[in-house]
N, C-alpha and C. Protein backbone atom coordinates (compact mmCIF):
# COMPACT_ATOMS: atom_id res chain seq x y z
N MET A 1 68.93 120.21 110.03
CA MET A 1 69.44 120.28 108.68
C MET A 1 68.77 119.18 107.85
N ARG A 2 68.42 119.51 106.66
CA ARG A 2 67.75 118.56 105.78
C ARG A 2 68.72 117.46 105.33
N PRO A 3 68.20 116.24 105.19
CA PRO A 3 69.07 115.14 104.76
C PRO A 3 69.73 115.37 103.41
N VAL A 4 69.01 115.99 102.49
CA VAL A 4 69.57 116.24 101.16
C VAL A 4 70.75 117.20 101.27
N LEU A 5 70.61 118.20 102.13
CA LEU A 5 71.70 119.15 102.33
C LEU A 5 72.92 118.48 102.96
N LYS A 6 72.68 117.59 103.92
CA LYS A 6 73.79 116.85 104.55
C LYS A 6 74.55 116.02 103.52
N VAL A 7 73.80 115.31 102.69
CA VAL A 7 74.43 114.45 101.68
C VAL A 7 75.20 115.31 100.69
N THR A 8 74.64 116.45 100.32
CA THR A 8 75.31 117.34 99.37
C THR A 8 76.61 117.88 99.95
N ILE A 9 76.58 118.28 101.21
CA ILE A 9 77.79 118.81 101.85
C ILE A 9 78.86 117.74 101.95
N VAL A 10 78.47 116.53 102.35
CA VAL A 10 79.44 115.43 102.45
C VAL A 10 80.02 115.12 101.07
N ALA A 11 79.18 115.09 100.05
CA ALA A 11 79.66 114.80 98.70
C ALA A 11 80.61 115.88 98.21
N LEU A 12 80.32 117.14 98.51
CA LEU A 12 81.21 118.23 98.10
C LEU A 12 82.57 118.14 98.81
N PHE A 13 82.56 117.86 100.10
CA PHE A 13 83.82 117.73 100.82
C PHE A 13 84.63 116.54 100.31
N GLU A 14 83.97 115.45 100.01
CA GLU A 14 84.69 114.29 99.49
C GLU A 14 85.22 114.56 98.09
N ALA A 15 84.46 115.27 97.28
CA ALA A 15 84.94 115.63 95.94
C ALA A 15 86.14 116.57 96.05
N LEU A 16 86.11 117.47 96.99
CA LEU A 16 87.24 118.37 97.21
C LEU A 16 88.48 117.59 97.67
N ALA A 17 88.28 116.62 98.55
CA ALA A 17 89.41 115.80 99.01
C ALA A 17 90.02 115.03 97.84
N ILE A 18 89.19 114.47 97.00
CA ILE A 18 89.69 113.73 95.83
C ILE A 18 90.37 114.69 94.86
N ALA A 19 89.84 115.91 94.73
CA ALA A 19 90.48 116.89 93.85
C ALA A 19 91.87 117.25 94.35
N PHE A 20 92.05 117.38 95.66
CA PHE A 20 93.38 117.65 96.22
C PHE A 20 94.35 116.51 95.89
N ALA A 21 93.88 115.27 96.04
CA ALA A 21 94.74 114.12 95.74
C ALA A 21 95.09 114.08 94.26
N LEU A 22 94.12 114.37 93.41
CA LEU A 22 94.39 114.40 91.97
C LEU A 22 95.36 115.52 91.61
N PHE A 23 95.25 116.65 92.29
CA PHE A 23 96.20 117.74 92.05
C PHE A 23 97.61 117.32 92.45
N PHE A 24 97.75 116.59 93.57
CA PHE A 24 99.06 116.07 93.97
C PHE A 24 99.61 115.15 92.89
N CYS A 25 98.78 114.24 92.39
CA CYS A 25 99.23 113.31 91.34
C CYS A 25 99.61 114.06 90.07
N TRP A 26 98.86 115.10 89.73
CA TRP A 26 99.17 115.91 88.55
C TRP A 26 100.51 116.61 88.72
N ARG A 27 100.78 117.15 89.92
CA ARG A 27 102.06 117.83 90.17
C ARG A 27 103.23 116.84 90.03
N VAL A 28 103.07 115.65 90.56
CA VAL A 28 104.13 114.64 90.45
C VAL A 28 104.33 114.26 88.99
N HIS A 29 103.24 114.09 88.25
CA HIS A 29 103.33 113.77 86.83
C HIS A 29 104.05 114.88 86.07
N GLN A 30 103.72 116.13 86.37
CA GLN A 30 104.38 117.25 85.70
C GLN A 30 105.87 117.28 86.03
N GLN A 31 106.23 116.96 87.26
CA GLN A 31 107.64 116.95 87.63
C GLN A 31 108.39 115.87 86.87
N TYR A 32 107.81 114.68 86.76
CA TYR A 32 108.45 113.61 85.98
C TYR A 32 108.55 114.00 84.51
N HIS A 33 107.53 114.64 83.99
CA HIS A 33 107.56 115.08 82.60
C HIS A 33 108.65 116.13 82.40
N ALA A 34 108.80 117.04 83.37
CA ALA A 34 109.85 118.07 83.27
C ALA A 34 111.24 117.44 83.34
N ILE A 35 111.39 116.39 84.11
CA ILE A 35 112.69 115.70 84.19
C ILE A 35 113.06 115.14 82.82
N GLU A 36 112.09 114.60 82.11
CA GLU A 36 112.35 114.02 80.80
C GLU A 36 112.58 115.07 79.72
N GLN A 37 111.96 116.24 79.85
CA GLN A 37 111.94 117.21 78.77
C GLN A 37 112.84 118.42 78.97
N SER A 38 113.15 118.80 80.18
CA SER A 38 113.78 120.09 80.42
C SER A 38 115.13 119.94 81.13
N ALA A 39 115.98 120.94 80.93
CA ALA A 39 117.26 120.97 81.63
C ALA A 39 117.15 121.70 82.95
N LEU A 40 116.01 122.33 83.22
CA LEU A 40 115.77 123.09 84.43
C LEU A 40 114.42 122.66 85.02
N VAL A 41 114.43 122.15 86.26
CA VAL A 41 113.21 121.61 86.88
C VAL A 41 113.03 122.27 88.24
N GLU A 42 111.81 122.73 88.51
CA GLU A 42 111.51 123.30 89.82
C GLU A 42 110.67 122.30 90.62
N ILE A 43 111.13 121.99 91.83
CA ILE A 43 110.46 121.03 92.69
C ILE A 43 109.88 121.78 93.88
N GLN A 44 108.62 121.49 94.19
CA GLN A 44 107.96 122.10 95.34
C GLN A 44 107.80 121.07 96.43
N THR A 45 108.29 121.38 97.62
CA THR A 45 108.09 120.49 98.75
C THR A 45 106.82 120.89 99.48
N GLY A 46 106.30 120.02 100.30
CA GLY A 46 105.11 120.33 101.08
C GLY A 46 103.81 119.94 100.41
N THR A 47 103.88 119.41 99.19
CA THR A 47 102.64 119.02 98.51
C THR A 47 102.08 117.70 99.05
N ALA A 48 102.84 116.99 99.86
CA ALA A 48 102.38 115.72 100.41
C ALA A 48 101.15 115.90 101.29
N PHE A 49 100.99 117.08 101.87
CA PHE A 49 99.83 117.33 102.71
C PHE A 49 98.53 117.41 101.92
N LEU A 50 98.62 117.48 100.60
CA LEU A 50 97.43 117.47 99.76
C LEU A 50 96.71 116.12 99.82
N LEU A 51 97.41 115.08 100.26
CA LEU A 51 96.79 113.77 100.39
C LEU A 51 96.00 113.61 101.69
N LEU A 52 96.26 114.45 102.67
CA LEU A 52 95.63 114.30 103.97
C LEU A 52 94.10 114.40 103.94
N PRO A 53 93.50 115.25 103.11
CA PRO A 53 92.02 115.27 103.08
C PRO A 53 91.38 113.96 102.63
N LEU A 54 92.16 113.04 102.08
CA LEU A 54 91.59 111.74 101.70
C LEU A 54 91.06 110.98 102.90
N ILE A 55 91.39 111.44 104.10
CA ILE A 55 90.88 110.78 105.30
C ILE A 55 89.35 110.88 105.36
N LEU A 56 88.78 111.94 104.76
CA LEU A 56 87.31 112.10 104.78
C LEU A 56 86.59 110.98 104.03
N PRO A 57 86.97 110.68 102.77
CA PRO A 57 86.30 109.55 102.11
C PRO A 57 86.58 108.22 102.80
N ILE A 58 87.76 108.07 103.37
CA ILE A 58 88.08 106.83 104.08
C ILE A 58 87.17 106.68 105.31
N LEU A 59 87.00 107.77 106.08
CA LEU A 59 86.10 107.73 107.24
C LEU A 59 84.67 107.44 106.82
N HIS A 60 84.26 108.02 105.71
CA HIS A 60 82.91 107.78 105.22
C HIS A 60 82.71 106.32 104.86
N LEU A 61 83.69 105.74 104.19
CA LEU A 61 83.60 104.32 103.84
C LEU A 61 83.58 103.43 105.08
N MET A 62 84.37 103.80 106.10
CA MET A 62 84.36 103.02 107.35
C MET A 62 83.00 103.14 108.04
N ASN A 63 82.39 104.32 107.99
CA ASN A 63 81.08 104.52 108.60
C ASN A 63 80.02 103.69 107.88
N ILE A 64 80.09 103.65 106.55
CA ILE A 64 79.15 102.83 105.78
C ILE A 64 79.34 101.36 106.12
N ALA A 65 80.59 100.93 106.23
CA ALA A 65 80.87 99.53 106.58
C ALA A 65 80.33 99.21 107.97
N GLU A 66 80.46 100.15 108.89
CA GLU A 66 79.96 99.91 110.26
C GLU A 66 78.45 99.74 110.26
N LYS A 67 77.74 100.56 109.50
CA LYS A 67 76.28 100.52 109.52
C LYS A 67 75.71 99.33 108.76
N HIS A 68 76.39 98.88 107.72
CA HIS A 68 75.79 97.87 106.86
C HIS A 68 76.43 96.48 106.95
N LEU A 69 77.65 96.40 107.45
CA LEU A 69 78.33 95.10 107.44
C LEU A 69 78.54 94.50 108.82
N VAL A 70 78.54 95.33 109.86
CA VAL A 70 78.88 94.85 111.19
C VAL A 70 77.64 94.95 112.09
N ALA A 71 77.40 93.89 112.83
CA ALA A 71 76.26 93.91 113.76
C ALA A 71 76.61 93.09 115.00
N GLY A 72 75.87 93.36 116.06
CA GLY A 72 76.00 92.55 117.28
C GLY A 72 77.27 92.82 118.06
N HIS A 73 77.85 91.75 118.58
CA HIS A 73 79.01 91.86 119.47
C HIS A 73 80.29 92.26 118.72
N LYS A 74 80.30 92.15 117.42
CA LYS A 74 81.47 92.54 116.63
C LYS A 74 81.59 94.05 116.47
N LEU A 75 80.52 94.79 116.82
CA LEU A 75 80.50 96.23 116.64
C LEU A 75 81.56 96.93 117.49
N ALA A 76 81.74 96.52 118.73
CA ALA A 76 82.73 97.15 119.61
C ALA A 76 84.14 96.92 119.07
N LYS A 77 84.41 95.73 118.60
CA LYS A 77 85.73 95.44 118.02
C LYS A 77 85.97 96.26 116.76
N PHE A 78 84.93 96.39 115.94
CA PHE A 78 85.05 97.16 114.71
C PHE A 78 85.31 98.63 115.01
N ARG A 79 84.64 99.19 116.01
CA ARG A 79 84.85 100.60 116.38
C ARG A 79 86.27 100.82 116.90
N LYS A 80 86.78 99.87 117.65
CA LYS A 80 88.16 99.97 118.14
C LYS A 80 89.13 99.92 116.96
N MET A 81 88.86 99.05 116.01
CA MET A 81 89.69 98.95 114.82
C MET A 81 89.59 100.23 113.99
N GLN A 82 88.41 100.85 113.94
CA GLN A 82 88.23 102.09 113.20
C GLN A 82 89.13 103.19 113.75
N SER A 83 89.23 103.31 115.06
CA SER A 83 90.07 104.36 115.63
C SER A 83 91.53 104.11 115.30
N ARG A 84 91.95 102.88 115.32
CA ARG A 84 93.34 102.56 114.95
C ARG A 84 93.59 102.83 113.46
N LEU A 85 92.62 102.48 112.62
CA LEU A 85 92.76 102.74 111.18
C LEU A 85 92.80 104.24 110.91
N PHE A 86 92.02 105.02 111.64
CA PHE A 86 92.04 106.47 111.47
C PHE A 86 93.42 107.03 111.75
N ILE A 87 94.00 106.63 112.87
CA ILE A 87 95.35 107.09 113.23
C ILE A 87 96.36 106.62 112.19
N PHE A 88 96.23 105.38 111.74
CA PHE A 88 97.12 104.83 110.72
C PHE A 88 97.06 105.66 109.44
N PHE A 89 95.85 105.97 108.96
CA PHE A 89 95.72 106.73 107.72
C PHE A 89 96.17 108.17 107.88
N VAL A 90 95.92 108.77 109.03
CA VAL A 90 96.39 110.15 109.26
C VAL A 90 97.91 110.20 109.20
N LEU A 91 98.57 109.17 109.67
CA LEU A 91 100.04 109.13 109.62
C LEU A 91 100.56 108.69 108.26
N MET A 92 99.87 107.76 107.62
CA MET A 92 100.39 107.18 106.38
C MET A 92 100.17 108.06 105.14
N LEU A 93 99.08 108.79 105.06
CA LEU A 93 98.82 109.57 103.86
C LEU A 93 99.92 110.61 103.60
N PRO A 94 100.31 111.44 104.59
CA PRO A 94 101.42 112.36 104.31
C PRO A 94 102.75 111.63 104.11
N THR A 95 102.94 110.51 104.81
CA THR A 95 104.17 109.74 104.65
C THR A 95 104.30 109.21 103.22
N ILE A 96 103.20 108.73 102.67
CA ILE A 96 103.22 108.26 101.28
C ILE A 96 103.55 109.42 100.35
N GLY A 97 102.95 110.58 100.60
CA GLY A 97 103.23 111.76 99.78
C GLY A 97 104.69 112.18 99.85
N PHE A 98 105.25 112.20 101.06
CA PHE A 98 106.66 112.55 101.20
C PHE A 98 107.55 111.53 100.51
N GLY A 99 107.17 110.26 100.59
CA GLY A 99 107.93 109.22 99.90
C GLY A 99 107.91 109.41 98.39
N ILE A 100 106.76 109.77 97.86
CA ILE A 100 106.66 110.02 96.42
C ILE A 100 107.52 111.22 96.03
N ASN A 101 107.48 112.28 96.85
CA ASN A 101 108.33 113.45 96.57
C ASN A 101 109.81 113.09 96.60
N GLN A 102 110.19 112.22 97.52
CA GLN A 102 111.59 111.81 97.60
C GLN A 102 112.00 110.97 96.40
N THR A 103 111.08 110.17 95.85
CA THR A 103 111.43 109.42 94.64
C THR A 103 111.63 110.35 93.45
N VAL A 104 110.87 111.45 93.41
CA VAL A 104 111.07 112.43 92.33
C VAL A 104 112.45 113.05 92.46
N ILE A 105 112.84 113.42 93.67
CA ILE A 105 114.16 114.03 93.89
C ILE A 105 115.28 113.04 93.58
N SER A 106 115.09 111.76 93.96
CA SER A 106 116.13 110.77 93.65
C SER A 106 116.21 110.53 92.14
N GLN A 107 115.07 110.59 91.45
CA GLN A 107 115.07 110.47 90.00
C GLN A 107 115.84 111.63 89.37
N LEU A 108 115.67 112.83 89.92
CA LEU A 108 116.42 113.99 89.44
C LEU A 108 117.92 113.75 89.57
N LYS A 109 118.33 113.27 90.72
CA LYS A 109 119.75 113.06 90.95
C LYS A 109 120.31 111.95 90.07
N GLN A 110 119.49 110.92 89.80
CA GLN A 110 119.93 109.86 88.90
C GLN A 110 120.09 110.35 87.47
N GLN A 111 119.28 111.32 87.09
CA GLN A 111 119.35 111.88 85.75
C GLN A 111 120.46 112.93 85.60
N GLY A 112 121.19 113.22 86.69
CA GLY A 112 122.31 114.14 86.61
C GLY A 112 121.97 115.58 86.96
N TYR A 113 120.85 115.82 87.58
CA TYR A 113 120.49 117.18 87.98
C TYR A 113 121.17 117.53 89.30
N HIS A 114 121.45 118.82 89.48
CA HIS A 114 122.05 119.33 90.71
C HIS A 114 121.17 120.48 91.21
N ALA A 115 121.05 120.59 92.53
CA ALA A 115 120.24 121.66 93.11
C ALA A 115 120.95 122.99 92.94
N CYS A 116 120.21 123.99 92.48
CA CYS A 116 120.75 125.35 92.38
C CYS A 116 120.76 125.97 93.78
N SER A 117 121.54 127.01 93.96
CA SER A 117 121.64 127.62 95.27
C SER A 117 120.40 128.43 95.65
N LEU A 118 119.56 128.78 94.67
CA LEU A 118 118.36 129.56 94.93
C LEU A 118 117.24 128.65 95.41
N VAL A 119 116.80 128.86 96.64
CA VAL A 119 115.65 128.14 97.20
C VAL A 119 114.68 129.19 97.71
N THR A 120 113.45 129.14 97.23
CA THR A 120 112.43 130.08 97.64
C THR A 120 111.55 129.43 98.69
N HIS A 121 111.42 130.05 99.85
CA HIS A 121 110.61 129.50 100.94
C HIS A 121 109.29 130.24 101.03
N GLN A 122 108.23 129.47 101.22
CA GLN A 122 106.92 130.03 101.49
C GLN A 122 106.42 129.44 102.79
N ILE A 123 105.19 129.71 103.14
CA ILE A 123 104.66 129.31 104.44
C ILE A 123 104.70 127.80 104.63
N ARG A 124 104.18 127.03 103.69
CA ARG A 124 104.08 125.59 103.87
C ARG A 124 105.01 124.79 102.98
N SER A 125 105.74 125.45 102.12
CA SER A 125 106.59 124.70 101.20
C SER A 125 107.77 125.54 100.74
N SER A 126 108.66 124.89 100.05
CA SER A 126 109.79 125.59 99.45
C SER A 126 109.93 125.12 98.00
N PHE A 127 110.48 126.00 97.18
CA PHE A 127 110.70 125.70 95.78
C PHE A 127 112.20 125.63 95.55
N THR A 128 112.66 124.50 95.03
CA THR A 128 114.07 124.31 94.72
C THR A 128 114.20 124.05 93.23
N THR A 129 115.12 124.75 92.61
CA THR A 129 115.36 124.57 91.19
C THR A 129 116.54 123.63 91.01
N TYR A 130 116.35 122.64 90.15
CA TYR A 130 117.41 121.68 89.81
C TYR A 130 117.78 121.88 88.36
N SER A 131 119.07 121.73 88.07
CA SER A 131 119.55 121.95 86.71
C SER A 131 120.61 120.92 86.37
N LYS A 132 120.69 120.56 85.10
CA LYS A 132 121.76 119.67 84.64
C LYS A 132 123.05 120.45 84.49
N ASP A 133 122.94 121.71 84.19
CA ASP A 133 124.10 122.59 84.01
C ASP A 133 123.95 123.77 84.97
N THR A 134 124.93 123.97 85.85
CA THR A 134 124.83 125.05 86.84
C THR A 134 124.79 126.43 86.20
N ALA A 135 125.19 126.57 84.97
CA ALA A 135 125.12 127.86 84.29
C ALA A 135 123.67 128.26 84.01
N LEU A 136 122.77 127.30 83.98
CA LEU A 136 121.37 127.60 83.73
C LEU A 136 120.60 128.01 85.00
N CYS A 137 121.24 127.88 86.15
CA CYS A 137 120.56 128.22 87.41
C CYS A 137 120.20 129.70 87.46
N PRO A 138 118.99 130.02 87.95
CA PRO A 138 118.61 131.45 88.06
C PRO A 138 119.47 132.17 89.10
N LYS A 139 119.76 133.41 88.87
CA LYS A 139 120.63 134.21 89.76
C LYS A 139 119.86 135.38 90.35
N PHE A 140 118.73 135.18 90.95
CA PHE A 140 117.91 136.28 91.46
C PHE A 140 118.57 136.88 92.65
């Protein structure tokens, strides 16, 4: 494979990973905006996994650091630390996302919203509608 093609593929995958993270941030921003503006808010769970592809740019940065910053006998220690950091980030990225989702839900409850009885489940997530007035809840 040509080096230019390799670099292009890596750049595209990293751009896609960053796009997923930005989409997660946009969804959270929209939910906070809906809390401020609307009496009816729909919350989607499962979006925390959109942060997981960020592991690709993190791995790339660790690889660059290994090639350019570490040399000699420190290389074995750095590689061992890299494997631990990889596991740490794989566990922490979704955890951070779930924590952010939970802060949105706690903000809803602080603002006086109540969960409606209608919950729509899909393969990787569920949609829950919150309302300040139960009369506004959808009755599908």
